[in-house]
Amino acid sequence: MTDDPHPDPLIRAATRADIDPIAVIEALSFYSIDEIFTPKQIARLIRSPSAIVLAAESRNAVLGWGAALHRRTQRGVTGRIYSIAIHPDARGQGLGDTLARELIRQLCEHATTRIYLEVRTDNDPAIRLYTRMGFTVARTLPDYYAQNIHAYSMRMDMLPIPDEESVSVSVTRTK
């Protein structure tokens, strides 16, 4: 029996102790300095009441992270997946999928009706992941990350979840 280098990770809320490992993952994951979150930005996200910041941990090591924001507008609550990054040694094991799904689940807890994200147009694995989850390309954002580094703005519309008072149930018995 081989020893799994990354047993099932724990997905949990990120803490201040995760700032440095997350910053390392950011530096290893993105090419342009304009794309990389700094430790100060990561700390601000962790403290923000409108942010959801998660860490994927296995054997006391942070393998990935994700952040999302939620905001109430006149039209309802919108969400934005702000970042998902996985350490290169842990890629290809479904961590990005797991983090994205947990971010979406937690955004739904805030009654989010639409979720947005931006992704580099050349990041095919991420585009496939988001498309599989139900995101669609809304538009192309030229030079979004830096000169000649374009992004897609993607969005997913969530089904509104009715409150208990608006749900009526009819039961018919058959013999």
Protein backbone atom coordinates (compact mmCIF):
# COMPACT_ATOMS: atom_id res chain seq x y z
CA MET A 1 0.00 0.00 0.00
CA THR A 2 1.45 3.36 -1.01
CA ASP A 3 1.31 6.35 1.26
CA ASP A 4 -0.89 9.06 -0.29
CA PRO A 5 1.14 12.31 -0.29
CA HIS A 6 -2.07 14.34 0.03
CA PRO A 7 -4.81 12.43 1.88
CA ASP A 8 -8.29 13.93 1.74
CA PRO A 9 -7.74 17.59 2.54
CA LEU A 10 -9.62 19.50 5.16
CA ILE A 11 -11.40 22.54 3.72
CA ARG A 12 -11.65 25.17 6.44
CA ALA A 13 -11.78 28.90 6.99
CA ALA A 14 -8.39 30.48 6.44
CA THR A 15 -6.71 32.15 9.41
CA ARG A 16 -3.86 34.61 9.87
CA ALA A 17 -1.51 31.64 10.23
CA ASP A 18 -2.30 30.75 6.60
CA ILE A 19 -1.22 34.09 5.12
CA ASP A 20 2.39 33.12 4.35
CA PRO A 21 1.59 29.68 2.86
CA ILE A 22 -1.17 31.26 0.74
CA ALA A 23 1.26 33.94 -0.46
CA VAL A 24 3.70 31.21 -1.54
CA ILE A 25 0.92 29.41 -3.45
CA GLU A 26 -0.01 32.70 -5.13
CA ALA A 27 3.59 33.29 -6.24
CA LEU A 28 3.83 29.75 -7.62
CA SER A 29 0.47 29.94 -9.40
CA PHE A 30 0.41 33.21 -11.29
CA TYR A 31 2.74 34.73 -13.85
CA SER A 32 2.11 38.44 -13.60
CA ILE A 33 2.78 40.47 -10.47
CA ASP A 34 -0.61 42.09 -11.14
CA GLU A 35 -2.32 38.73 -10.59
CA ILE A 36 -0.66 37.81 -7.28
CA PHE A 37 -2.26 38.63 -3.95
CA THR A 38 0.18 40.10 -1.47
CA PRO A 39 0.24 39.00 2.18
CA LYS A 40 -1.38 42.33 3.09
CA GLN A 41 -4.24 41.73 0.63
CA ILE A 42 -4.71 38.17 1.86
CA ALA A 43 -4.86 39.41 5.48
CA ARG A 44 -7.44 42.03 4.52
CA LEU A 45 -9.59 39.36 2.86
CA ILE A 46 -9.39 37.08 5.90
CA ARG A 47 -10.58 39.96 8.14
CA SER A 48 -13.35 41.13 5.81
CA PRO A 49 -16.94 40.30 6.84
CA SER A 50 -17.95 40.25 3.16
CA ALA A 51 -15.29 37.68 2.21
CA ILE A 52 -15.20 33.91 2.39
CA VAL A 53 -11.60 32.70 2.54
CA LEU A 54 -10.88 28.99 2.60
CA ALA A 55 -7.75 26.91 2.94
CA ALA A 56 -7.30 23.32 1.80
CA GLU A 57 -5.02 21.60 4.30
CA SER A 58 -3.49 18.15 4.45
CA ARG A 59 -0.89 16.95 6.95
CA ASN A 60 -0.60 20.46 8.42
CA ALA A 61 0.29 21.95 5.02
CA VAL A 62 -1.84 24.40 3.06
CA LEU A 63 -2.24 22.95 -0.43
CA GLY A 64 -4.61 25.53 -1.87
CA TRP A 65 -6.88 28.40 -1.11
CA GLY A 66 -9.95 30.17 -2.39
CA ALA A 67 -11.62 33.48 -1.75
CA ALA A 68 -15.04 34.84 -2.64
CA LEU A 69 -16.87 38.07 -1.91
CA HIS A 70 -20.57 38.69 -1.43
CA ARG A 71 -22.32 42.03 -1.79
CA ARG A 72 -25.90 43.15 -1.37
CA THR A 73 -27.18 45.34 -4.19
CA GLN A 74 -30.62 46.70 -5.07
CA ARG A 75 -31.14 43.58 -7.18
CA GLY A 76 -30.13 41.13 -4.45
CA VAL A 77 -26.91 39.50 -3.36
CA THR A 78 -24.15 38.92 -5.87
CA GLY A 79 -21.02 36.89 -5.33
CA ARG A 80 -17.61 36.89 -6.88
CA ILE A 81 -15.09 34.09 -6.79
CA TYR A 82 -12.02 36.21 -6.27
CA SER A 83 -9.24 33.63 -6.33
CA ILE A 84 -8.58 29.91 -6.36
CA ALA A 85 -5.00 28.68 -6.39
CA ILE A 86 -3.50 25.26 -5.78
CA HIS A 87 0.12 24.47 -4.95
CA PRO A 88 1.78 22.93 -8.06
CA ASP A 89 2.51 19.68 -6.16
CA ALA A 90 -1.19 19.24 -5.36
CA ARG A 91 -2.72 20.05 -8.76
CA GLY A 92 -4.76 17.52 -10.68
CA GLN A 93 -6.37 16.02 -7.58
CA GLY A 94 -9.66 17.91 -7.65
CA LEU A 95 -8.77 20.55 -5.03
CA GLY A 96 -9.76 23.43 -7.31
CA ASP A 97 -13.13 21.78 -7.87
CA THR A 98 -13.59 21.16 -4.13
CA LEU A 99 -12.68 24.73 -3.19
CA ALA A 100 -14.90 26.24 -5.92
CA ARG A 101 -17.88 24.12 -4.87
CA GLU A 102 -17.43 25.07 -1.21
CA LEU A 103 -17.14 28.77 -2.09
CA ILE A 104 -20.35 28.50 -4.15
CA ARG A 105 -22.10 26.65 -1.32
CA GLN A 106 -21.13 29.33 1.18
CA LEU A 107 -22.12 32.12 -1.22
CA CYS A 108 -25.54 30.47 -1.49
CA GLU A 109 -25.83 30.67 2.30
CA HIS A 110 -25.77 34.45 1.80
CA ALA A 111 -28.70 34.17 -0.67
CA THR A 112 -26.49 34.91 -3.66
CA THR A 113 -28.45 34.94 -6.91
CA ARG A 114 -25.55 35.43 -9.35
CA ILE A 115 -21.85 34.61 -9.07
CA TYR A 116 -19.11 36.18 -11.17
CA LEU A 117 -15.45 35.39 -11.69
CA GLU A 118 -12.60 36.32 -13.98
CA VAL A 119 -10.21 33.81 -15.48
CA ARG A 120 -7.29 34.15 -17.87
CA THR A 121 -8.29 33.30 -21.42
CA ASP A 122 -5.34 30.89 -21.63
CA ASN A 123 -6.17 29.00 -18.40
CA ASP A 124 -7.91 26.06 -20.07
CA PRO A 125 -8.13 23.80 -16.98
CA ALA A 126 -9.88 26.54 -14.96
CA ILE A 127 -12.21 27.43 -17.84
CA ARG A 128 -13.21 23.76 -18.19
CA LEU A 129 -13.79 23.52 -14.42
CA TYR A 130 -15.98 26.62 -14.29
CA THR A 131 -17.91 25.64 -17.42
CA ARG A 132 -18.60 22.19 -15.93
CA MET A 133 -19.97 23.92 -12.83
CA GLY A 134 -22.41 26.00 -14.87
CA PHE A 135 -20.51 29.25 -15.46
CA THR A 136 -20.79 30.84 -18.89
CA VAL A 137 -18.56 33.42 -20.54
CA ALA A 138 -20.25 36.80 -20.28
CA ARG A 139 -17.54 38.81 -22.05
CA THR A 140 -13.84 39.11 -22.78
CA LEU A 141 -11.82 41.64 -20.79
CA PRO A 142 -8.82 42.77 -22.85
CA ASP A 143 -5.60 43.45 -20.91
CA TYR A 144 -7.41 42.61 -17.64
CA TYR A 145 -4.42 41.19 -15.77
CA ALA A 146 -1.70 43.07 -17.63
CA GLN A 147 -0.90 44.15 -21.17
CA ASN A 148 -1.79 41.27 -23.52
CA ILE A 149 -3.03 39.12 -20.61
CA HIS A 150 -6.77 38.90 -21.19
CA ALA A 151 -9.57 37.47 -19.08
CA TYR A 152 -13.03 36.10 -19.49
CA SER A 153 -15.69 37.41 -17.19
CA MET A 154 -17.84 34.39 -16.38
CA ARG A 155 -21.08 34.19 -14.49
CA MET A 156 -23.46 31.67 -13.04
CA ASP A 157 -27.08 32.43 -12.24
CA MET A 158 -28.31 30.67 -9.14
CA LEU A 159 -31.84 29.40 -8.74
CA PRO A 160 -33.61 31.47 -6.12
CA ILE A 161 -34.35 29.41 -3.04
CA PRO A 162 -37.87 30.18 -1.85
CA ASP A 163 -38.39 30.94 1.80
CA GLU A 164 -40.53 28.51 3.80
CA GLU A 165 -43.55 30.82 3.87
CA SER A 166 -43.79 30.94 0.07
CA VAL A 167 -43.66 27.18 -0.41
CA SER A 168 -46.93 25.32 -0.61
CA VAL A 169 -47.09 21.57 -0.72
CA SER A 170 -49.99 19.54 -1.99
CA VAL A 171 -50.19 15.86 -1.16
CA THR A 172 -52.51 13.53 -3.04
CA ARG A 173 -52.94 9.96 -1.91
CA THR A 174 -53.58 7.22 -4.41
CA LYS A 175 -55.01 3.83 -3.60
